[in-house]
Amino acid sequence: MKDVMRKLCSPILGMFESGEGKYDYRKSHRTILLVLGTLCFIIASVSLFFTLKTGEFAGIIPITVFFITGLVCEIVGLLGSDQAVARIWKRN
């Protein structure tokens, strides 16, 4: 299942897994990335709730930004290699 998801998300993972050389990776980097992704999803959900409740659709921009940020963080955190996690933090 993980291989299928990696193929499906290869355009995103390819940006962070490309390149060679040394990289500085710690397990805490992956944990923090997953927590950041979860927080972005929560912010996007709260923004969506209040946008729908007030009827003001100016909230579409922050909803989109936080949702995409959370999605990228979760994809790299769950499916990415150690190098991808290090590169998203620019630790190479």
N, C-alpha and C. Protein backbone atom coordinates (compact mmCIF):
# COMPACT_ATOMS: atom_id res chain seq x y z
N MET A 1 0.82 -1.20 0.00
CA MET A 1 0.00 0.00 0.00
C MET A 1 0.87 1.27 0.00
N LYS A 2 1.97 1.20 0.77
CA LYS A 2 2.84 2.37 0.84
C LYS A 2 3.48 2.66 -0.52
N ASP A 3 3.82 1.60 -1.27
CA ASP A 3 4.41 1.80 -2.59
C ASP A 3 3.43 2.46 -3.55
N VAL A 4 2.16 2.09 -3.46
CA VAL A 4 1.13 2.69 -4.31
C VAL A 4 0.97 4.17 -3.97
N MET A 5 0.95 4.48 -2.69
CA MET A 5 0.82 5.87 -2.27
C MET A 5 2.06 6.69 -2.66
N ARG A 6 3.24 6.07 -2.58
CA ARG A 6 4.46 6.77 -2.99
C ARG A 6 4.43 7.09 -4.48
N LYS A 7 3.91 6.17 -5.30
CA LYS A 7 3.80 6.42 -6.74
C LYS A 7 2.78 7.52 -7.01
N LEU A 8 1.68 7.50 -6.27
CA LEU A 8 0.64 8.50 -6.45
C LEU A 8 1.15 9.90 -6.06
N CYS A 9 1.96 9.97 -5.03
CA CYS A 9 2.48 11.25 -4.53
C CYS A 9 3.88 11.56 -5.05
N SER A 10 4.32 10.86 -6.07
CA SER A 10 5.69 11.05 -6.57
C SER A 10 6.00 12.47 -7.06
N PRO A 11 5.04 13.24 -7.60
CA PRO A 11 5.40 14.61 -7.97
C PRO A 11 5.82 15.47 -6.77
N ILE A 12 5.16 15.28 -5.65
CA ILE A 12 5.51 16.04 -4.45
C ILE A 12 6.81 15.50 -3.84
N LEU A 13 6.90 14.18 -3.72
CA LEU A 13 8.09 13.58 -3.12
C LEU A 13 9.33 13.82 -3.98
N GLY A 14 9.15 13.88 -5.28
CA GLY A 14 10.27 14.08 -6.18
C GLY A 14 10.98 15.40 -5.95
N MET A 15 10.25 16.42 -5.56
CA MET A 15 10.86 17.72 -5.30
C MET A 15 11.83 17.67 -4.13
N PHE A 16 11.53 16.83 -3.14
CA PHE A 16 12.33 16.78 -1.92
C PHE A 16 13.34 15.63 -1.91
N GLU A 17 13.11 14.61 -2.72
CA GLU A 17 14.01 13.46 -2.73
C GLU A 17 15.06 13.54 -3.83
N SER A 18 15.00 14.54 -4.68
CA SER A 18 15.99 14.67 -5.74
C SER A 18 17.29 15.24 -5.17
N GLY A 19 18.36 14.97 -5.84
CA GLY A 19 19.64 15.49 -5.40
C GLY A 19 20.45 14.44 -4.65
N GLU A 20 21.71 14.74 -4.53
CA GLU A 20 22.61 13.81 -3.86
C GLU A 20 23.39 14.57 -2.81
N GLY A 21 24.13 13.86 -2.03
CA GLY A 21 24.99 14.49 -1.04
C GLY A 21 24.55 14.13 0.37
N LYS A 22 25.27 14.72 1.31
CA LYS A 22 24.99 14.45 2.72
C LYS A 22 23.79 15.26 3.17
N TYR A 23 23.11 14.74 4.16
CA TYR A 23 21.98 15.46 4.75
C TYR A 23 21.95 15.16 6.24
N ASP A 24 21.41 16.10 6.98
CA ASP A 24 21.33 16.00 8.43
C ASP A 24 19.89 15.64 8.80
N TYR A 25 19.68 14.39 9.21
CA TYR A 25 18.34 13.92 9.54
C TYR A 25 18.31 13.44 10.98
N ARG A 26 17.24 13.81 11.66
CA ARG A 26 16.95 13.29 12.99
C ARG A 26 15.50 12.84 13.02
N LYS A 27 15.22 11.85 13.84
CA LYS A 27 13.86 11.32 13.92
C LYS A 27 12.88 12.40 14.37
N SER A 28 13.34 13.33 15.17
CA SER A 28 12.47 14.40 15.65
C SER A 28 12.00 15.31 14.51
N HIS A 29 12.80 15.41 13.43
CA HIS A 29 12.39 16.23 12.29
C HIS A 29 11.10 15.67 11.67
N ARG A 30 11.01 14.35 11.55
CA ARG A 30 9.81 13.73 10.99
C ARG A 30 8.62 13.93 11.92
N THR A 31 8.84 13.79 13.22
CA THR A 31 7.76 13.97 14.19
C THR A 31 7.22 15.40 14.15
N ILE A 32 8.12 16.36 14.13
CA ILE A 32 7.71 17.77 14.08
C ILE A 32 6.97 18.06 12.78
N LEU A 33 7.42 17.47 11.69
CA LEU A 33 6.76 17.67 10.40
C LEU A 33 5.33 17.14 10.43
N LEU A 34 5.12 15.98 11.04
CA LEU A 34 3.77 15.42 11.15
C LEU A 34 2.88 16.28 12.06
N VAL A 35 3.44 16.78 13.15
CA VAL A 35 2.67 17.66 14.04
C VAL A 35 2.31 18.96 13.32
N LEU A 36 3.25 19.53 12.57
CA LEU A 36 2.99 20.75 11.81
C LEU A 36 1.88 20.52 10.79
N GLY A 37 1.91 19.38 10.10
CA GLY A 37 0.87 19.05 9.14
C GLY A 37 -0.50 18.95 9.79
N THR A 38 -0.54 18.32 10.95
CA THR A 38 -1.81 18.20 11.69
C THR A 38 -2.33 19.57 12.11
N LEU A 39 -1.44 20.42 12.60
CA LEU A 39 -1.86 21.77 12.99
C LEU A 39 -2.38 22.57 11.80
N CYS A 40 -1.75 22.42 10.65
CA CYS A 40 -2.23 23.12 9.46
C CYS A 40 -3.61 22.62 9.05
N PHE A 41 -3.84 21.31 9.15
CA PHE A 41 -5.18 20.77 8.85
C PHE A 41 -6.22 21.32 9.83
N ILE A 42 -5.86 21.45 11.10
CA ILE A 42 -6.79 21.99 12.10
C ILE A 42 -7.11 23.44 11.79
N ILE A 43 -6.10 24.23 11.46
CA ILE A 43 -6.33 25.64 11.11
C ILE A 43 -7.21 25.75 9.88
N ALA A 44 -6.97 24.91 8.87
CA ALA A 44 -7.79 24.93 7.66
C ALA A 44 -9.23 24.56 7.98
N SER A 45 -9.43 23.58 8.86
CA SER A 45 -10.78 23.16 9.23
C SER A 45 -11.53 24.26 9.99
N VAL A 46 -10.84 24.90 10.92
CA VAL A 46 -11.46 25.99 11.68
C VAL A 46 -11.80 27.14 10.75
N SER A 47 -10.89 27.46 9.84
CA SER A 47 -11.16 28.53 8.87
C SER A 47 -12.35 28.19 7.99
N LEU A 48 -12.44 26.94 7.56
CA LEU A 48 -13.58 26.50 6.75
C LEU A 48 -14.88 26.63 7.52
N PHE A 49 -14.87 26.22 8.78
CA PHE A 49 -16.06 26.33 9.61
C PHE A 49 -16.55 27.77 9.71
N PHE A 50 -15.63 28.67 10.04
CA PHE A 50 -16.04 30.07 10.20
C PHE A 50 -16.37 30.74 8.87
N THR A 51 -15.73 30.32 7.80
CA THR A 51 -16.07 30.87 6.48
C THR A 51 -17.49 30.47 6.11
N LEU A 52 -17.84 29.22 6.35
CA LEU A 52 -19.20 28.77 6.03
C LEU A 52 -20.22 29.39 6.96
N LYS A 53 -19.85 29.56 8.23
CA LYS A 53 -20.78 30.13 9.21
C LYS A 53 -21.09 31.60 8.93
N THR A 54 -20.07 32.36 8.53
CA THR A 54 -20.28 33.79 8.28
C THR A 54 -20.74 34.08 6.87
N GLY A 55 -20.47 33.17 5.96
CA GLY A 55 -20.87 33.40 4.57
C GLY A 55 -19.90 34.28 3.80
N GLU A 56 -18.82 34.68 4.44
CA GLU A 56 -17.79 35.49 3.79
C GLU A 56 -16.76 34.55 3.16
N PHE A 57 -16.67 34.56 1.86
CA PHE A 57 -15.81 33.60 1.19
C PHE A 57 -14.39 34.12 0.97
N ALA A 58 -14.01 35.16 1.71
CA ALA A 58 -12.63 35.62 1.66
C ALA A 58 -11.70 34.65 2.38
N GLY A 59 -12.28 33.74 3.15
CA GLY A 59 -11.49 32.75 3.87
C GLY A 59 -10.99 31.61 3.00
N ILE A 60 -11.34 31.60 1.73
CA ILE A 60 -10.91 30.52 0.84
C ILE A 60 -9.39 30.50 0.68
N ILE A 61 -8.76 31.65 0.66
CA ILE A 61 -7.31 31.70 0.48
C ILE A 61 -6.57 31.06 1.66
N PRO A 62 -6.85 31.44 2.92
CA PRO A 62 -6.15 30.77 4.02
C PRO A 62 -6.50 29.29 4.13
N ILE A 63 -7.72 28.94 3.81
CA ILE A 63 -8.10 27.52 3.84
C ILE A 63 -7.24 26.74 2.85
N THR A 64 -7.11 27.26 1.65
CA THR A 64 -6.32 26.59 0.62
C THR A 64 -4.85 26.51 1.00
N VAL A 65 -4.28 27.61 1.49
CA VAL A 65 -2.86 27.64 1.85
C VAL A 65 -2.57 26.66 2.98
N PHE A 66 -3.37 26.68 4.04
CA PHE A 66 -3.11 25.79 5.17
C PHE A 66 -3.39 24.34 4.81
N PHE A 67 -4.39 24.08 3.97
CA PHE A 67 -4.67 22.70 3.58
C PHE A 67 -3.53 22.13 2.73
N ILE A 68 -3.03 22.90 1.77
CA ILE A 68 -1.94 22.42 0.92
C ILE A 68 -0.67 22.24 1.74
N THR A 69 -0.39 23.18 2.65
CA THR A 69 0.78 23.05 3.51
C THR A 69 0.69 21.80 4.37
N GLY A 70 -0.47 21.56 4.96
CA GLY A 70 -0.67 20.37 5.77
C GLY A 70 -0.55 19.10 4.97
N LEU A 71 -1.08 19.12 3.75
CA LEU A 71 -1.01 17.95 2.89
C LEU A 71 0.43 17.61 2.51
N VAL A 72 1.21 18.61 2.14
CA VAL A 72 2.61 18.38 1.79
C VAL A 72 3.39 17.87 3.01
N CYS A 73 3.16 18.47 4.17
CA CYS A 73 3.86 18.02 5.38
C CYS A 73 3.53 16.57 5.71
N GLU A 74 2.26 16.20 5.61
CA GLU A 74 1.86 14.83 5.92
C GLU A 74 2.41 13.84 4.89
N ILE A 75 2.38 14.21 3.62
CA ILE A 75 2.91 13.30 2.58
C ILE A 75 4.40 13.07 2.79
N VAL A 76 5.15 14.13 2.99
CA VAL A 76 6.60 13.97 3.18
C VAL A 76 6.89 13.27 4.51
N GLY A 77 6.14 13.60 5.54
CA GLY A 77 6.37 12.99 6.84
C GLY A 77 6.03 11.51 6.89
N LEU A 78 4.97 11.11 6.20
CA LEU A 78 4.54 9.71 6.24
C LEU A 78 5.19 8.85 5.16
N LEU A 79 5.39 9.40 3.97
CA LEU A 79 5.84 8.61 2.84
C LEU A 79 7.26 8.92 2.40
N GLY A 80 7.80 10.05 2.78
CA GLY A 80 9.09 10.50 2.28
C GLY A 80 10.27 9.79 2.92
N SER A 81 11.37 9.81 2.22
CA SER A 81 12.61 9.24 2.74
C SER A 81 13.21 10.19 3.78
N ASP A 82 14.26 9.72 4.44
CA ASP A 82 14.95 10.57 5.41
C ASP A 82 15.52 11.81 4.74
N GLN A 83 15.99 11.65 3.51
CA GLN A 83 16.53 12.78 2.76
C GLN A 83 15.45 13.81 2.46
N ALA A 84 14.24 13.36 2.13
CA ALA A 84 13.14 14.28 1.85
C ALA A 84 12.78 15.09 3.08
N VAL A 85 12.75 14.43 4.23
CA VAL A 85 12.43 15.14 5.48
C VAL A 85 13.52 16.16 5.79
N ALA A 86 14.78 15.79 5.60
CA ALA A 86 15.87 16.73 5.84
C ALA A 86 15.83 17.90 4.87
N ARG A 87 15.48 17.62 3.62
CA ARG A 87 15.44 18.71 2.62
C ARG A 87 14.29 19.67 2.86
N ILE A 88 13.16 19.18 3.38
CA ILE A 88 12.04 20.10 3.62
C ILE A 88 12.42 21.08 4.74
N TRP A 89 13.32 20.69 5.62
CA TRP A 89 13.82 21.57 6.66
C TRP A 89 15.10 22.28 6.21
N LYS A 90 15.55 22.01 4.98
CA LYS A 90 16.79 22.60 4.44
C LYS A 90 17.99 22.24 5.31
N ARG A 91 18.03 20.97 5.72
CA ARG A 91 19.12 20.50 6.58
C ARG A 91 20.04 19.57 5.81
N ASN A 92 20.46 19.93 4.62
CA ASN A 92 21.37 19.09 3.85
C ASN A 92 22.65 19.81 3.54
